[in-house]
All heavy atoms as atom14 arrays in JSON, in Angstrom:
{
  "sequence": "VSVVICTRDRPDRLARCLRAVTSLDYPVYEVLVVDNAPRDDATKKL",
  "atom14_mask": [
    [1, 1, 1, 1, 1, 1, 1, 0, 0, 0, 0, 0, 0, 0],
    [1, 1, 1, 1, 1, 1, 0, 0, 0, 0, 0, 0, 0, 0],
    [1, 1, 1, 1, 1, 1, 1, 0, 0, 0, 0, 0, 0, 0],
    [1, 1, 1, 1, 1, 1, 1, 0, 0, 0, 0, 0, 0, 0],
    [1, 1, 1, 1, 1, 1, 1, 1, 0, 0, 0, 0, 0, 0],
    [1, 1, 1, 1, 1, 1, 0, 0, 0, 0, 0, 0, 0, 0],
    [1, 1, 1, 1, 1, 1, 1, 0, 0, 0, 0, 0, 0, 0],
    [1, 1, 1, 1, 1, 1, 1, 1, 1, 1, 1, 0, 0, 0],
    [1, 1, 1, 1, 1, 1, 1, 1, 0, 0, 0, 0, 0, 0],
    [1, 1, 1, 1, 1, 1, 1, 1, 1, 1, 1, 0, 0, 0],
    [1, 1, 1, 1, 1, 1, 1, 0, 0, 0, 0, 0, 0, 0],
    [1, 1, 1, 1, 1, 1, 1, 1, 0, 0, 0, 0, 0, 0],
    [1, 1, 1, 1, 1, 1, 1, 1, 1, 1, 1, 0, 0, 0],
    [1, 1, 1, 1, 1, 1, 1, 1, 0, 0, 0, 0, 0, 0],
    [1, 1, 1, 1, 1, 0, 0, 0, 0, 0, 0, 0, 0, 0],
    [1, 1, 1, 1, 1, 1, 1, 1, 1, 1, 1, 0, 0, 0],
    [1, 1, 1, 1, 1, 1, 0, 0, 0, 0, 0, 0, 0, 0],
    [1, 1, 1, 1, 1, 1, 1, 1, 0, 0, 0, 0, 0, 0],
    [1, 1, 1, 1, 1, 1, 1, 1, 1, 1, 1, 0, 0, 0],
    [1, 1, 1, 1, 1, 0, 0, 0, 0, 0, 0, 0, 0, 0],
    [1, 1, 1, 1, 1, 1, 1, 0, 0, 0, 0, 0, 0, 0],
    [1, 1, 1, 1, 1, 1, 1, 0, 0, 0, 0, 0, 0, 0],
    [1, 1, 1, 1, 1, 1, 0, 0, 0, 0, 0, 0, 0, 0],
    [1, 1, 1, 1, 1, 1, 1, 1, 0, 0, 0, 0, 0, 0],
    [1, 1, 1, 1, 1, 1, 1, 1, 0, 0, 0, 0, 0, 0],
    [1, 1, 1, 1, 1, 1, 1, 1, 1, 1, 1, 1, 0, 0],
    [1, 1, 1, 1, 1, 1, 1, 0, 0, 0, 0, 0, 0, 0],
    [1, 1, 1, 1, 1, 1, 1, 0, 0, 0, 0, 0, 0, 0],
    [1, 1, 1, 1, 1, 1, 1, 1, 1, 1, 1, 1, 0, 0],
    [1, 1, 1, 1, 1, 1, 1, 1, 1, 0, 0, 0, 0, 0],
    [1, 1, 1, 1, 1, 1, 1, 0, 0, 0, 0, 0, 0, 0],
    [1, 1, 1, 1, 1, 1, 1, 1, 0, 0, 0, 0, 0, 0],
    [1, 1, 1, 1, 1, 1, 1, 0, 0, 0, 0, 0, 0, 0],
    [1, 1, 1, 1, 1, 1, 1, 0, 0, 0, 0, 0, 0, 0],
    [1, 1, 1, 1, 1, 1, 1, 1, 0, 0, 0, 0, 0, 0],
    [1, 1, 1, 1, 1, 1, 1, 1, 0, 0, 0, 0, 0, 0],
    [1, 1, 1, 1, 1, 0, 0, 0, 0, 0, 0, 0, 0, 0],
    [1, 1, 1, 1, 1, 1, 1, 0, 0, 0, 0, 0, 0, 0],
    [1, 1, 1, 1, 1, 1, 1, 1, 1, 1, 1, 0, 0, 0],
    [1, 1, 1, 1, 1, 1, 1, 1, 0, 0, 0, 0, 0, 0],
    [1, 1, 1, 1, 1, 1, 1, 1, 0, 0, 0, 0, 0, 0],
    [1, 1, 1, 1, 1, 0, 0, 0, 0, 0, 0, 0, 0, 0],
    [1, 1, 1, 1, 1, 1, 1, 0, 0, 0, 0, 0, 0, 0],
    [1, 1, 1, 1, 1, 1, 1, 1, 1, 0, 0, 0, 0, 0],
    [1, 1, 1, 1, 1, 1, 1, 1, 1, 0, 0, 0, 0, 0],
    [1, 1, 1, 1, 1, 1, 1, 1, 0, 0, 0, 0, 0, 0]
  ],
  "atom14_positions": [
    [[147.26, -88.67, -65.08], [147.88, -89.85, -64.48], [146.81, -90.78, -63.95], [145.81, -90.34, -63.38], [148.84, -89.46, -63.32], [149.49, -90.7, -62.71], [149.91, -88.48, -63.8], [0.0, 0.0, 0.0], [0.0, 0.0, 0.0], [0.0, 0.0, 0.0], [0.0, 0.0, 0.0], [0.0, 0.0, 0.0], [0.0, 0.0, 0.0], [0.0, 0.0, 0.0]],
    [[147.03, -92.08, -64.13], [146.21, -93.1, -63.47], [146.98, -93.59, -62.24], [148.13, -94.02, -62.35], [145.95, -94.28, -64.4], [145.12, -93.91, -65.47], [0.0, 0.0, 0.0], [0.0, 0.0, 0.0], [0.0, 0.0, 0.0], [0.0, 0.0, 0.0], [0.0, 0.0, 0.0], [0.0, 0.0, 0.0], [0.0, 0.0, 0.0], [0.0, 0.0, 0.0]],
    [[146.36, -93.5, -61.07], [146.96, -93.99, -59.82], [146.34, -95.34, -59.5], [145.12, -95.43, -59.31], [146.74, -93.01, -58.67], [147.33, -93.58, -57.37], [147.37, -91.65, -58.99], [0.0, 0.0, 0.0], [0.0, 0.0, 0.0], [0.0, 0.0, 0.0], [0.0, 0.0, 0.0], [0.0, 0.0, 0.0], [0.0, 0.0, 0.0], [0.0, 0.0, 0.0]],
    [[147.16, -96.38, -59.44], [146.69, -97.73, -59.19], [147.1, -98.14, -57.77], [148.28, -98.08, -57.42], [147.26, -98.72, -60.21], [146.85, -100.16, -59.87], [146.81, -98.35, -61.62], [0.0, 0.0, 0.0], [0.0, 0.0, 0.0], [0.0, 0.0, 0.0], [0.0, 0.0, 0.0], [0.0, 0.0, 0.0], [0.0, 0.0, 0.0], [0.0, 0.0, 0.0]],
    [[146.12, -98.58, -56.99], [146.36, -99.06, -55.62], [145.88, -100.51, -55.56], [144.68, -100.77, -55.67], [145.62, -98.22, -54.57], [145.95, -96.74, -54.73], [145.99, -98.69, -53.16], [145.07, -95.82, -53.9], [0.0, 0.0, 0.0], [0.0, 0.0, 0.0], [0.0, 0.0, 0.0], [0.0, 0.0, 0.0], [0.0, 0.0, 0.0], [0.0, 0.0, 0.0]],
    [[146.8, -101.43, -55.39], [146.45, -102.85, -55.27], [146.28, -103.2, -53.79], [147.1, -102.79, -52.96], [147.52, -103.72, -55.9], [147.8, -103.39, -57.66], [0.0, 0.0, 0.0], [0.0, 0.0, 0.0], [0.0, 0.0, 0.0], [0.0, 0.0, 0.0], [0.0, 0.0, 0.0], [0.0, 0.0, 0.0], [0.0, 0.0, 0.0], [0.0, 0.0, 0.0]],
    [[145.25, -103.94, -53.47], [144.95, -104.22, -52.07], [144.3, -105.58, -51.93], [143.78, -106.13, -52.91], [144.03, -103.12, -51.5], [143.86, -103.31, -50.09], [142.66, -103.15, -52.18], [0.0, 0.0, 0.0], [0.0, 0.0, 0.0], [0.0, 0.0, 0.0], [0.0, 0.0, 0.0], [0.0, 0.0, 0.0], [0.0, 0.0, 0.0], [0.0, 0.0, 0.0]],
    [[144.32, -106.1, -50.72], [143.62, -107.35, -50.43], [143.21, -107.37, -48.94], [144.06, -107.51, -48.06], [144.46, -108.57, -50.75], [143.67, -109.87, -50.59], [144.49, -111.1, -50.87], [143.64, -112.28, -50.92], [144.08, -113.54, -50.93], [145.37, -113.78, -50.9], [143.24, -114.55, -50.97], [0.0, 0.0, 0.0], [0.0, 0.0, 0.0], [0.0, 0.0, 0.0]],
    [[141.93, -107.21, -48.69], [141.34, -107.4, -47.36], [142.0, -106.53, -46.29], [142.23, -106.98, -45.16], [141.41, -108.87, -46.95], [140.62, -109.77, -47.9], [139.61, -109.31, -48.45], [141.03, -110.93, -48.09], [0.0, 0.0, 0.0], [0.0, 0.0, 0.0], [0.0, 0.0, 0.0], [0.0, 0.0, 0.0], [0.0, 0.0, 0.0], [0.0, 0.0, 0.0]],
    [[142.32, -105.27, -46.63], [142.86, -104.34, -45.63], [142.15, -103.0, -45.77], [142.78, -101.98, -46.04], [144.38, -104.18, -45.8], [145.14, -105.49, -45.68], [146.58, -105.32, -45.28], [147.39, -104.59, -46.23], [148.71, -104.47, -46.15], [149.35, -105.05, -45.14], [149.39, -103.79, -47.05], [0.0, 0.0, 0.0], [0.0, 0.0, 0.0], [0.0, 0.0, 0.0]],
    [[140.84, -102.97, -45.56], [140.1, -101.73, -45.78], [140.5, -100.59, -44.86], [140.44, -99.42, -45.26], [138.63, -102.14, -45.56], [138.7, -103.38, -44.74], [139.96, -104.09, -45.17], [0.0, 0.0, 0.0], [0.0, 0.0, 0.0], [0.0, 0.0, 0.0], [0.0, 0.0, 0.0], [0.0, 0.0, 0.0], [0.0, 0.0, 0.0], [0.0, 0.0, 0.0]],
    [[140.94, -100.89, -43.64], [141.34, -99.82, -42.72], [142.55, -99.07, -43.24], [142.59, -97.83, -43.26], [141.62, -100.38, -41.33], [140.36, -100.86, -40.63], [139.26, -100.48, -41.06], [140.48, -101.63, -39.65], [0.0, 0.0, 0.0], [0.0, 0.0, 0.0], [0.0, 0.0, 0.0], [0.0, 0.0, 0.0], [0.0, 0.0, 0.0], [0.0, 0.0, 0.0]],
    [[143.55, -99.81, -43.67], [144.74, -99.17, -44.22], [144.43, -98.48, -45.54], [144.92, -97.38, -45.82], [145.86, -100.2, -44.39], [146.4, -100.73, -43.07], [147.56, -101.66, -43.28], [148.11, -102.12, -42.02], [149.16, -102.92, -41.89], [149.79, -103.33, -42.98], [149.59, -103.29, -40.7], [0.0, 0.0, 0.0], [0.0, 0.0, 0.0], [0.0, 0.0, 0.0]],
    [[143.64, -99.13, -46.35], [143.27, -98.54, -47.64], [142.55, -97.22, -47.44], [142.75, -96.27, -48.22], [142.41, -99.51, -48.44], [141.93, -99.0, -49.8], [143.1, -98.72, -50.73], [140.97, -100.01, -50.44], [0.0, 0.0, 0.0], [0.0, 0.0, 0.0], [0.0, 0.0, 0.0], [0.0, 0.0, 0.0], [0.0, 0.0, 0.0], [0.0, 0.0, 0.0]],
    [[141.7, -97.12, -46.43], [140.96, -95.87, -46.18], [141.92, -94.72, -45.92], [141.73, -93.61, -46.44], [140.01, -96.07, -45.01], [0.0, 0.0, 0.0], [0.0, 0.0, 0.0], [0.0, 0.0, 0.0], [0.0, 0.0, 0.0], [0.0, 0.0, 0.0], [0.0, 0.0, 0.0], [0.0, 0.0, 0.0], [0.0, 0.0, 0.0], [0.0, 0.0, 0.0]],
    [[142.96, -94.96, -45.13], [143.95, -93.91, -44.88], [144.66, -93.51, -46.15], [144.88, -92.32, -46.42], [144.95, -94.39, -43.83], [146.01, -93.37, -43.44], [146.99, -93.94, -42.44], [147.64, -95.14, -42.97], [148.18, -96.09, -42.22], [148.14, -95.99, -40.91], [148.76, -97.13, -42.79], [0.0, 0.0, 0.0], [0.0, 0.0, 0.0], [0.0, 0.0, 0.0]],
    [[145.01, -94.5, -46.98], [145.67, -94.22, -48.25], [144.76, -93.41, -49.17], [145.19, -92.43, -49.79], [146.09, -95.52, -48.92], [146.9, -95.33, -50.51], [0.0, 0.0, 0.0], [0.0, 0.0, 0.0], [0.0, 0.0, 0.0], [0.0, 0.0, 0.0], [0.0, 0.0, 0.0], [0.0, 0.0, 0.0], [0.0, 0.0, 0.0], [0.0, 0.0, 0.0]],
    [[143.5, -93.8, -49.26], [142.57, -93.11, -50.15], [142.3, -91.68, -49.7], [142.09, -90.79, -50.54], [141.27, -93.89, -50.25], [141.31, -95.18, -51.08], [139.98, -95.91, -51.02], [141.68, -94.87, -52.53], [0.0, 0.0, 0.0], [0.0, 0.0, 0.0], [0.0, 0.0, 0.0], [0.0, 0.0, 0.0], [0.0, 0.0, 0.0], [0.0, 0.0, 0.0]],
    [[142.29, -91.44, -48.4], [142.12, -90.05, -47.93], [143.23, -89.17, -48.48], [142.99, -88.0, -48.84], [142.1, -90.01, -46.4], [140.78, -90.47, -45.78], [140.69, -90.08, -44.33], [141.66, -90.79, -43.5], [141.44, -91.96, -42.92], [140.27, -92.57, -43.1], [142.36, -92.55, -42.18], [0.0, 0.0, 0.0], [0.0, 0.0, 0.0], [0.0, 0.0, 0.0]],
    [[144.45, -89.72, -48.53], [145.57, -88.94, -49.06], [145.53, -88.85, -50.58], [145.71, -87.76, -51.16], [146.89, -89.56, -48.6], [0.0, 0.0, 0.0], [0.0, 0.0, 0.0], [0.0, 0.0, 0.0], [0.0, 0.0, 0.0], [0.0, 0.0, 0.0], [0.0, 0.0, 0.0], [0.0, 0.0, 0.0], [0.0, 0.0, 0.0], [0.0, 0.0, 0.0]],
    [[145.27, -89.96, -51.24], [145.34, -89.99, -52.7], [144.23, -89.16, -53.33], [144.45, -88.5, -54.36], [145.28, -91.45, -53.2], [145.11, -91.5, -54.71], [146.55, -92.2, -52.8], [0.0, 0.0, 0.0], [0.0, 0.0, 0.0], [0.0, 0.0, 0.0], [0.0, 0.0, 0.0], [0.0, 0.0, 0.0], [0.0, 0.0, 0.0], [0.0, 0.0, 0.0]],
    [[143.06, -89.15, -52.74], [141.96, -88.36, -53.31], [142.11, -86.87, -53.01], [141.3, -86.08, -53.49], [140.61, -88.87, -52.79], [140.6, -88.88, -51.36], [140.31, -90.28, -53.31], [0.0, 0.0, 0.0], [0.0, 0.0, 0.0], [0.0, 0.0, 0.0], [0.0, 0.0, 0.0], [0.0, 0.0, 0.0], [0.0, 0.0, 0.0], [0.0, 0.0, 0.0]],
    [[143.12, -86.5, -52.25], [143.35, -85.08, -51.92], [144.65, -84.56, -52.51], [145.15, -83.51, -52.08], [143.37, -84.89, -50.39], [142.17, -85.34, -49.81], [0.0, 0.0, 0.0], [0.0, 0.0, 0.0], [0.0, 0.0, 0.0], [0.0, 0.0, 0.0], [0.0, 0.0, 0.0], [0.0, 0.0, 0.0], [0.0, 0.0, 0.0], [0.0, 0.0, 0.0]],
    [[145.21, -85.25, -53.49], [146.48, -84.82, -54.08], [146.33, -83.49, -54.81], [145.28, -83.19, -55.38], [146.98, -85.88, -55.07], [147.36, -87.24, -54.48], [147.69, -88.22, -55.59], [148.54, -87.12, -53.52], [0.0, 0.0, 0.0], [0.0, 0.0, 0.0], [0.0, 0.0, 0.0], [0.0, 0.0, 0.0], [0.0, 0.0, 0.0], [0.0, 0.0, 0.0]],
    [[147.41, -82.71, -54.78], [147.46, -81.43, -55.49], [147.89, -81.7, -56.92], [149.08, -81.65, -57.26], [148.44, -80.49, -54.78], [148.56, -79.14, -55.47], [147.8, -78.89, -56.43], [149.43, -78.36, -55.07], [0.0, 0.0, 0.0], [0.0, 0.0, 0.0], [0.0, 0.0, 0.0], [0.0, 0.0, 0.0], [0.0, 0.0, 0.0], [0.0, 0.0, 0.0]],
    [[146.9, -82.03, -57.77], [147.21, -82.37, -59.15], [145.96, -82.15, -59.99], [144.85, -82.47, -59.55], [147.68, -83.82, -59.27], [148.42, -84.09, -60.56], [149.72, -83.64, -60.73], [147.8, -84.76, -61.61], [150.4, -83.86, -61.92], [148.47, -84.99, -62.8], [149.78, -84.52, -62.95], [150.44, -84.72, -64.14], [0.0, 0.0, 0.0], [0.0, 0.0, 0.0]],
    [[146.12, -81.62, -61.22], [144.92, -81.21, -61.97], [144.04, -82.35, -62.48], [142.82, -82.31, -62.31], [145.51, -80.4, -63.14], [146.93, -80.83, -63.25], [147.37, -81.17, -61.86], [0.0, 0.0, 0.0], [0.0, 0.0, 0.0], [0.0, 0.0, 0.0], [0.0, 0.0, 0.0], [0.0, 0.0, 0.0], [0.0, 0.0, 0.0], [0.0, 0.0, 0.0]],
    [[144.63, -83.38, -63.11], [143.81, -84.43, -63.71], [144.43, -85.8, -63.39], [145.55, -86.09, -63.84], [143.7, -84.27, -65.25], [142.83, -85.39, -65.83], [143.15, -82.9, -65.62], [0.0, 0.0, 0.0], [0.0, 0.0, 0.0], [0.0, 0.0, 0.0], [0.0, 0.0, 0.0], [0.0, 0.0, 0.0], [0.0, 0.0, 0.0], [0.0, 0.0, 0.0]],
    [[143.7, -86.59, -62.63], [144.15, -87.96, -62.37], [142.96, -88.8, -61.96], [141.94, -88.29, -61.47], [145.23, -88.0, -61.28], [144.77, -87.63, -59.88], [144.53, -88.62, -58.93], [144.6, -86.3, -59.49], [144.14, -88.3, -57.64], [144.21, -85.97, -58.22], [143.99, -86.97, -57.28], [143.59, -86.64, -56.0], [0.0, 0.0, 0.0], [0.0, 0.0, 0.0]],
    [[143.08, -90.1, -62.2], [142.07, -91.05, -61.75], [142.68, -91.95, -60.68], [143.9, -92.14, -60.64], [141.56, -91.91, -62.91], [142.59, -92.88, -63.46], [141.99, -94.05, -64.23], [140.77, -94.29, -64.11], [142.75, -94.73, -64.95], [0.0, 0.0, 0.0], [0.0, 0.0, 0.0], [0.0, 0.0, 0.0], [0.0, 0.0, 0.0], [0.0, 0.0, 0.0]],
    [[141.83, -92.5, -59.83], [142.27, -93.45, -58.81], [141.57, -94.77, -59.08], [140.34, -94.82, -59.17], [141.95, -92.95, -57.39], [142.42, -93.96, -56.35], [142.6, -91.59, -57.13], [0.0, 0.0, 0.0], [0.0, 0.0, 0.0], [0.0, 0.0, 0.0], [0.0, 0.0, 0.0], [0.0, 0.0, 0.0], [0.0, 0.0, 0.0], [0.0, 0.0, 0.0]],
    [[142.36, -95.83, -59.19], [141.83, -97.16, -59.47], [142.26, -98.11, -58.37], [143.45, -98.33, -58.14], [142.36, -97.65, -60.83], [141.98, -99.07, -61.26], [140.46, -99.2, -61.41], [142.68, -99.43, -62.55], [0.0, 0.0, 0.0], [0.0, 0.0, 0.0], [0.0, 0.0, 0.0], [0.0, 0.0, 0.0], [0.0, 0.0, 0.0], [0.0, 0.0, 0.0]],
    [[141.29, -98.67, -57.66], [141.55, -99.67, -56.62], [141.39, -101.05, -57.24], [140.33, -101.37, -57.78], [140.59, -99.5, -55.43], [140.75, -100.67, -54.45], [140.86, -98.18, -54.71], [0.0, 0.0, 0.0], [0.0, 0.0, 0.0], [0.0, 0.0, 0.0], [0.0, 0.0, 0.0], [0.0, 0.0, 0.0], [0.0, 0.0, 0.0], [0.0, 0.0, 0.0]],
    [[142.45, -101.86, -57.16], [142.4, -103.23, -57.66], [142.33, -104.16, -56.45], [143.3, -104.26, -55.68], [143.62, -103.56, -58.53], [143.5, -104.99, -59.07], [143.74, -102.57, -59.67], [0.0, 0.0, 0.0], [0.0, 0.0, 0.0], [0.0, 0.0, 0.0], [0.0, 0.0, 0.0], [0.0, 0.0, 0.0], [0.0, 0.0, 0.0], [0.0, 0.0, 0.0]],
    [[141.2, -104.83, -56.28], [140.96, -105.72, -55.15], [141.37, -107.13, -55.56], [140.76, -107.74, -56.43], [139.46, -105.66, -54.8], [139.18, -106.09, -53.37], [140.15, -106.45, -52.66], [138.0, -106.06, -52.97], [0.0, 0.0, 0.0], [0.0, 0.0, 0.0], [0.0, 0.0, 0.0], [0.0, 0.0, 0.0], [0.0, 0.0, 0.0], [0.0, 0.0, 0.0]],
    [[142.43, -107.63, -54.91], [143.02, -108.89, -55.32], [142.45, -110.07, -54.53], [142.69, -110.22, -53.33], [144.54, -108.82, -55.12], [145.28, -109.99, -55.75], [146.38, -110.33, -55.33], [144.71, -110.6, -56.76], [0.0, 0.0, 0.0], [0.0, 0.0, 0.0], [0.0, 0.0, 0.0], [0.0, 0.0, 0.0], [0.0, 0.0, 0.0], [0.0, 0.0, 0.0]],
    [[141.65, -110.9, -55.22], [141.05, -112.1, -54.63], [140.41, -111.8, -53.27], [140.75, -112.42, -52.26], [142.09, -113.2, -54.5], [0.0, 0.0, 0.0], [0.0, 0.0, 0.0], [0.0, 0.0, 0.0], [0.0, 0.0, 0.0], [0.0, 0.0, 0.0], [0.0, 0.0, 0.0], [0.0, 0.0, 0.0], [0.0, 0.0, 0.0], [0.0, 0.0, 0.0]],
    [[139.46, -110.86, -53.2], [138.89, -110.46, -51.91], [138.03, -111.54, -51.3], [137.42, -112.36, -51.99], [138.06, -109.23, -52.28], [137.67, -109.45, -53.7], [138.85, -110.13, -54.33], [0.0, 0.0, 0.0], [0.0, 0.0, 0.0], [0.0, 0.0, 0.0], [0.0, 0.0, 0.0], [0.0, 0.0, 0.0], [0.0, 0.0, 0.0], [0.0, 0.0, 0.0]],
    [[137.96, -111.52, -49.96], [137.11, -112.47, -49.24], [135.72, -111.91, -48.97], [134.81, -112.65, -48.61], [137.78, -112.88, -47.93], [138.95, -113.84, -48.11], [139.43, -114.39, -46.79], [140.32, -113.47, -46.14], [141.63, -113.67, -46.02], [142.18, -114.74, -46.52], [142.4, -112.78, -45.42], [0.0, 0.0, 0.0], [0.0, 0.0, 0.0], [0.0, 0.0, 0.0]],
    [[135.58, -110.58, -49.08], [134.27, -109.97, -48.85], [134.18, -108.69, -49.68], [135.07, -108.4, -50.49], [134.05, -109.67, -47.35], [135.17, -108.83, -46.75], [135.63, -107.88, -47.43], [135.61, -109.09, -45.62], [0.0, 0.0, 0.0], [0.0, 0.0, 0.0], [0.0, 0.0, 0.0], [0.0, 0.0, 0.0], [0.0, 0.0, 0.0], [0.0, 0.0, 0.0]],
    [[133.11, -107.93, -49.49], [132.91, -106.72, -50.3], [133.24, -105.44, -49.55], [132.82, -104.35, -49.95], [131.47, -106.67, -50.81], [130.45, -106.57, -49.67], [130.85, -106.68, -48.49], [129.25, -106.39, -49.97], [0.0, 0.0, 0.0], [0.0, 0.0, 0.0], [0.0, 0.0, 0.0], [0.0, 0.0, 0.0], [0.0, 0.0, 0.0], [0.0, 0.0, 0.0]],
    [[134.01, -105.54, -48.47], [134.34, -104.36, -47.67], [135.13, -103.34, -48.48], [134.87, -102.13, -48.4], [135.13, -104.76, -46.43], [0.0, 0.0, 0.0], [0.0, 0.0, 0.0], [0.0, 0.0, 0.0], [0.0, 0.0, 0.0], [0.0, 0.0, 0.0], [0.0, 0.0, 0.0], [0.0, 0.0, 0.0], [0.0, 0.0, 0.0], [0.0, 0.0, 0.0]],
    [[136.07, -103.8, -49.29], [136.87, -102.88, -50.1], [136.03, -102.23, -51.18], [136.18, -101.04, -51.48], [138.07, -103.63, -50.72], [138.9, -104.12, -49.67], [138.88, -102.71, -51.61], [0.0, 0.0, 0.0], [0.0, 0.0, 0.0], [0.0, 0.0, 0.0], [0.0, 0.0, 0.0], [0.0, 0.0, 0.0], [0.0, 0.0, 0.0], [0.0, 0.0, 0.0]],
    [[135.12, -102.98, -51.77], [134.23, -102.42, -52.79], [133.39, -101.29, -52.21], [133.23, -100.23, -52.83], [133.34, -103.53, -53.34], [132.38, -103.06, -54.42], [131.55, -104.22, -54.95], [130.59, -103.75, -56.06], [129.78, -104.88, -56.59], [0.0, 0.0, 0.0], [0.0, 0.0, 0.0], [0.0, 0.0, 0.0], [0.0, 0.0, 0.0], [0.0, 0.0, 0.0]],
    [[132.85, -101.5, -51.02], [132.03, -100.46, -50.37], [132.89, -99.24, -50.04], [132.44, -98.1, -50.19], [131.39, -101.02, -49.11], [130.33, -102.08, -49.38], [129.78, -102.63, -48.07], [128.71, -103.69, -48.32], [128.21, -104.28, -47.04], [0.0, 0.0, 0.0], [0.0, 0.0, 0.0], [0.0, 0.0, 0.0], [0.0, 0.0, 0.0], [0.0, 0.0, 0.0]],
    [[134.11, -99.48, -49.58], [135.0, -98.37, -49.24], [135.32, -97.53, -50.48], [135.26, -96.3, -50.44], [136.29, -98.91, -48.63], [137.33, -97.86, -48.23], [136.84, -97.03, -47.07], [138.65, -98.55, -47.87], [0.0, 0.0, 0.0], [0.0, 0.0, 0.0], [0.0, 0.0, 0.0], [0.0, 0.0, 0.0], [0.0, 0.0, 0.0], [0.0, 0.0, 0.0]]
  ]
}
């Protein structure tokens, strides 16, 4: 499965989401963060 998370300039909330998504009980999946028209690189670093 590909898990897509769309976000824009909310790294604090995204961090909580990513802690859960990267710990899912599932054998094979990728996580893709789509940063929509970001104002800075905070989400990229996260």
